[in-house]
Amino acid sequence: MTPANPPMPPPAYRGVVGGFQNEEELRGASVLADAAGLRYEAFLPAGDEDLLRALRFRTEKSGVRFWTLFGGIGGGVAAMALTIWTMRNWPMVVGGKPIVSWPPFIQVIFEWTVLLASFLCMAGFLILSGLPNLYLHPAYRPEFNVDRFGLFFPCSRGEEALARALLARAGAEKIETVWDRGLGRLAPPSVEPPS
């Protein structure tokens, strides 16, 4: 017989998060983290192109362009195959022209090329970006969506002191240890230590 409320697994340690009042402090913390060799993730209340470039200056090229290319090539080949197959199975001889002739096929080939390229571009974007993401990051805090900036260090317990010192040196107004209770999609974040 199973109990009505099975025991919850203990929360897992994820790292340290700090909140900042302005983006200059956040940039300073990111420079310190780069110098210390620590990985980090930033939370911003609104997108700022300059800040995003400063935080992620080594952005890798996206693979979505290859999805689009293969969609376009596949669409063009599929359209050619369909039009040739259709004209060979149901020939329509008009004015002595050849049955398989390019001019009437060009519009169909173009439309299918664009259609499949756009579909695969959207599918590649969703797959490569991991969307839809229905899981709240354990370090997310509601104030990061309003007027505060956050910097999260996914670190081990041994690196926690270094991350806390770095955040304090950068001027973080609030520094918290992040625990993940593993409750799944859209679970509220937790900062309480494991019991």
Protein backbone atom coordinates (compact mmCIF):
# COMPACT_ATOMS: atom_id res chain seq x y z
CA MET A 1 0.00 0.00 0.00
CA THR A 2 1.46 3.36 -1.03
CA PRO A 3 1.11 6.42 1.20
CA ALA A 4 -1.29 9.18 0.13
CA ASN A 5 1.50 11.77 0.06
CA PRO A 6 4.83 10.22 -0.95
CA PRO A 7 7.87 11.98 0.56
CA MET A 8 9.39 14.74 -1.57
CA PRO A 9 12.96 14.20 -2.73
CA PRO A 10 15.48 16.50 -1.04
CA PRO A 11 16.23 19.70 -2.97
CA ALA A 12 19.34 19.66 -5.12
CA TYR A 13 21.99 22.37 -4.79
CA ARG A 14 22.27 24.44 -7.98
CA GLY A 15 24.42 27.49 -7.17
CA VAL A 16 24.27 31.12 -6.08
CA VAL A 17 22.21 34.02 -7.41
CA GLY A 18 22.64 37.73 -6.78
CA GLY A 19 20.32 40.64 -7.49
CA PHE A 20 21.50 44.06 -8.72
CA GLN A 21 19.76 47.43 -8.95
CA ASN A 22 21.27 48.49 -12.26
CA GLU A 23 22.99 47.01 -15.28
CA GLU A 24 26.37 48.64 -14.60
CA GLU A 25 26.73 46.53 -11.46
CA LEU A 26 25.68 43.46 -13.44
CA ARG A 27 28.30 44.20 -16.11
CA GLY A 28 30.93 44.62 -13.40
CA ALA A 29 29.97 41.26 -11.88
CA SER A 30 30.16 39.59 -15.30
CA VAL A 31 33.67 41.02 -15.85
CA LEU A 32 34.75 39.68 -12.44
CA ALA A 33 33.20 36.27 -13.24
CA ASP A 34 35.03 36.13 -16.58
CA ALA A 35 38.31 36.96 -14.83
CA ALA A 36 37.66 34.24 -12.22
CA GLY A 37 36.69 31.71 -14.90
CA LEU A 38 33.17 31.11 -13.54
CA ARG A 39 30.19 30.29 -15.75
CA TYR A 40 27.11 32.44 -15.22
CA GLU A 41 23.62 33.18 -16.48
CA ALA A 42 22.00 36.62 -16.45
CA PHE A 43 18.39 37.63 -15.82
CA LEU A 44 17.26 40.96 -17.29
CA PRO A 45 13.93 42.78 -16.84
CA ALA A 46 14.06 43.97 -20.47
CA GLY A 47 16.21 43.20 -23.47
CA ASP A 48 19.16 45.55 -23.88
CA GLU A 49 21.20 44.87 -27.02
CA ASP A 50 24.43 46.42 -25.69
CA LEU A 51 24.20 44.51 -22.42
CA LEU A 52 23.43 41.24 -24.18
CA ARG A 53 26.45 41.71 -26.45
CA ALA A 54 28.65 42.52 -23.45
CA LEU A 55 27.46 39.42 -21.59
CA ARG A 56 27.58 37.07 -24.57
CA PHE A 57 30.32 38.29 -26.88
CA ARG A 58 31.26 34.80 -28.06
CA THR A 59 27.87 33.76 -29.41
CA GLU A 60 28.12 30.77 -31.67
CA LYS A 61 26.46 30.79 -35.06
CA SER A 62 23.00 29.34 -35.16
CA GLY A 63 22.25 26.09 -36.96
CA VAL A 64 18.82 27.33 -38.03
CA ARG A 65 20.27 28.47 -41.35
CA PHE A 66 21.06 24.85 -42.26
CA TRP A 67 17.48 23.79 -41.46
CA THR A 68 16.29 26.54 -43.81
CA LEU A 69 18.72 25.49 -46.55
CA PHE A 70 17.72 21.83 -46.37
CA GLY A 71 14.03 22.79 -46.29
CA GLY A 72 14.46 24.88 -49.42
CA ILE A 73 16.40 22.17 -51.27
CA GLY A 74 13.92 19.52 -50.17
CA GLY A 75 10.97 21.68 -51.19
CA GLY A 76 12.43 22.33 -54.65
CA VAL A 77 13.24 18.65 -55.25
CA ALA A 78 9.81 17.54 -53.98
CA ALA A 79 8.03 20.07 -56.20
CA MET A 80 10.02 18.96 -59.26
CA ALA A 81 9.30 15.31 -58.52
CA LEU A 82 5.58 15.99 -58.01
CA THR A 83 5.14 18.04 -61.17
CA ILE A 84 7.10 15.60 -63.36
CA TRP A 85 5.23 12.61 -61.89
CA THR A 86 1.88 14.36 -62.38
CA MET A 87 2.59 15.31 -65.99
CA ARG A 88 3.84 11.81 -66.87
CA ASN A 89 0.81 10.07 -65.35
CA TRP A 90 -1.78 12.50 -66.74
CA PRO A 91 -0.20 14.01 -69.84
CA MET A 92 -1.73 17.14 -71.25
CA VAL A 93 -0.32 17.96 -74.66
CA VAL A 94 -0.93 21.62 -75.47
CA GLY A 95 0.19 23.06 -78.78
CA GLY A 96 2.80 20.36 -79.39
CA LYS A 97 4.91 21.30 -76.34
CA PRO A 98 6.82 18.58 -74.53
CA ILE A 99 5.00 16.97 -71.61
CA VAL A 100 7.83 17.63 -69.13
CA SER A 101 8.58 21.29 -69.70
CA TRP A 102 10.18 23.79 -67.29
CA PRO A 103 8.17 27.00 -67.70
CA PRO A 104 4.91 25.77 -66.13
CA PHE A 105 6.85 24.12 -63.26
CA ILE A 106 8.79 27.19 -62.14
CA GLN A 107 5.99 28.72 -60.06
CA VAL A 108 5.22 25.44 -58.26
CA ILE A 109 8.91 24.79 -57.56
CA PHE A 110 9.39 28.32 -56.21
CA GLU A 111 6.34 28.14 -53.93
CA TRP A 112 7.28 24.74 -52.49
CA THR A 113 10.87 25.86 -51.96
CA VAL A 114 9.76 28.89 -49.95
CA LEU A 115 7.06 26.94 -48.07
CA LEU A 116 9.27 24.07 -46.90
CA ALA A 117 12.20 26.41 -46.16
CA SER A 118 9.98 28.53 -43.89
CA PHE A 119 8.49 25.49 -42.14
CA LEU A 120 11.88 23.94 -41.46
CA CYS A 121 13.28 27.33 -40.40
CA MET A 122 10.55 27.62 -37.75
CA ALA A 123 10.97 23.98 -36.67
CA GLY A 124 14.75 24.41 -36.41
CA PHE A 125 14.33 27.58 -34.35
CA LEU A 126 11.96 25.87 -31.91
CA ILE A 127 14.06 22.70 -31.59
CA LEU A 128 17.47 24.37 -31.28
CA SER A 129 16.26 27.00 -28.80
CA GLY A 130 14.49 24.42 -26.63
CA LEU A 131 11.09 26.05 -26.93
CA PRO A 132 8.55 25.85 -25.51
CA ASN A 133 10.34 25.92 -22.18
CA LEU A 134 7.70 25.34 -19.51
CA TYR A 135 10.19 24.94 -16.69
CA LEU A 136 11.05 27.92 -14.51
CA HIS A 137 14.76 28.23 -13.86
CA PRO A 138 15.46 27.53 -10.17
CA ALA A 139 17.39 30.82 -9.86
CA TYR A 140 14.58 32.95 -11.31
CA ARG A 141 13.09 35.53 -8.97
CA PRO A 142 9.95 37.57 -9.76
CA GLU A 143 11.81 40.86 -9.22
CA PHE A 144 14.09 40.00 -12.18
CA ASN A 145 11.06 40.54 -14.39
CA VAL A 146 10.28 43.98 -12.94
CA ASP A 147 13.20 46.21 -11.95
CA ARG A 148 16.17 44.08 -10.86
CA PHE A 149 19.01 42.36 -12.69
CA GLY A 150 20.19 38.91 -11.65
CA LEU A 151 23.38 36.93 -12.07
CA PHE A 152 23.35 33.19 -11.37
CA PHE A 153 26.46 31.06 -10.89
CA PRO A 154 25.81 27.35 -11.44
CA CYS A 155 28.59 26.13 -9.18
CA SER A 156 29.51 23.35 -6.78
CA ARG A 157 29.42 23.70 -3.00
CA GLY A 158 33.20 24.23 -3.05
CA GLU A 159 32.86 27.24 -5.37
CA GLU A 160 29.99 28.80 -3.42
CA ALA A 161 32.24 30.99 -1.25
CA LEU A 162 34.03 32.36 -4.33
CA ALA A 163 30.72 33.11 -6.08
CA ARG A 164 29.32 34.84 -2.97
CA ALA A 165 32.48 36.93 -2.56
CA LEU A 166 32.39 37.91 -6.22
CA LEU A 167 28.73 38.96 -6.00
CA ALA A 168 29.37 40.94 -2.79
CA ARG A 169 32.37 42.67 -4.37
CA ALA A 170 30.26 43.62 -7.41
CA GLY A 171 27.63 45.21 -5.17
CA ALA A 172 24.81 42.66 -5.19
CA GLU A 173 22.03 43.78 -2.88
CA LYS A 174 20.71 40.26 -2.30
CA ILE A 175 22.70 36.99 -2.49
CA GLU A 176 20.90 33.65 -2.18
CA THR A 177 21.75 29.98 -2.43
CA VAL A 178 19.65 28.27 -5.09
CA TRP A 179 17.97 24.93 -4.43
CA ASP A 180 16.00 22.98 -7.01
CA ARG A 181 13.14 20.94 -5.59
CA GLY A 182 12.62 19.27 -8.97
CA LEU A 183 8.89 19.86 -8.99
CA GLY A 184 8.83 20.20 -12.75
CA ARG A 185 7.06 22.60 -15.05
CA LEU A 186 6.30 26.10 -13.81
CA ALA A 187 7.04 25.28 -10.18
CA PRO A 188 7.76 28.31 -8.01
CA PRO A 189 11.46 28.80 -7.19
CA SER A 190 12.82 27.81 -3.82
CA VAL A 191 15.54 29.30 -1.64
CA GLU A 192 15.12 27.24 1.50
CA PRO A 193 17.98 24.86 2.36
CA PRO A 194 17.35 21.11 2.31
CA SER A 195 15.98 19.69 5.51
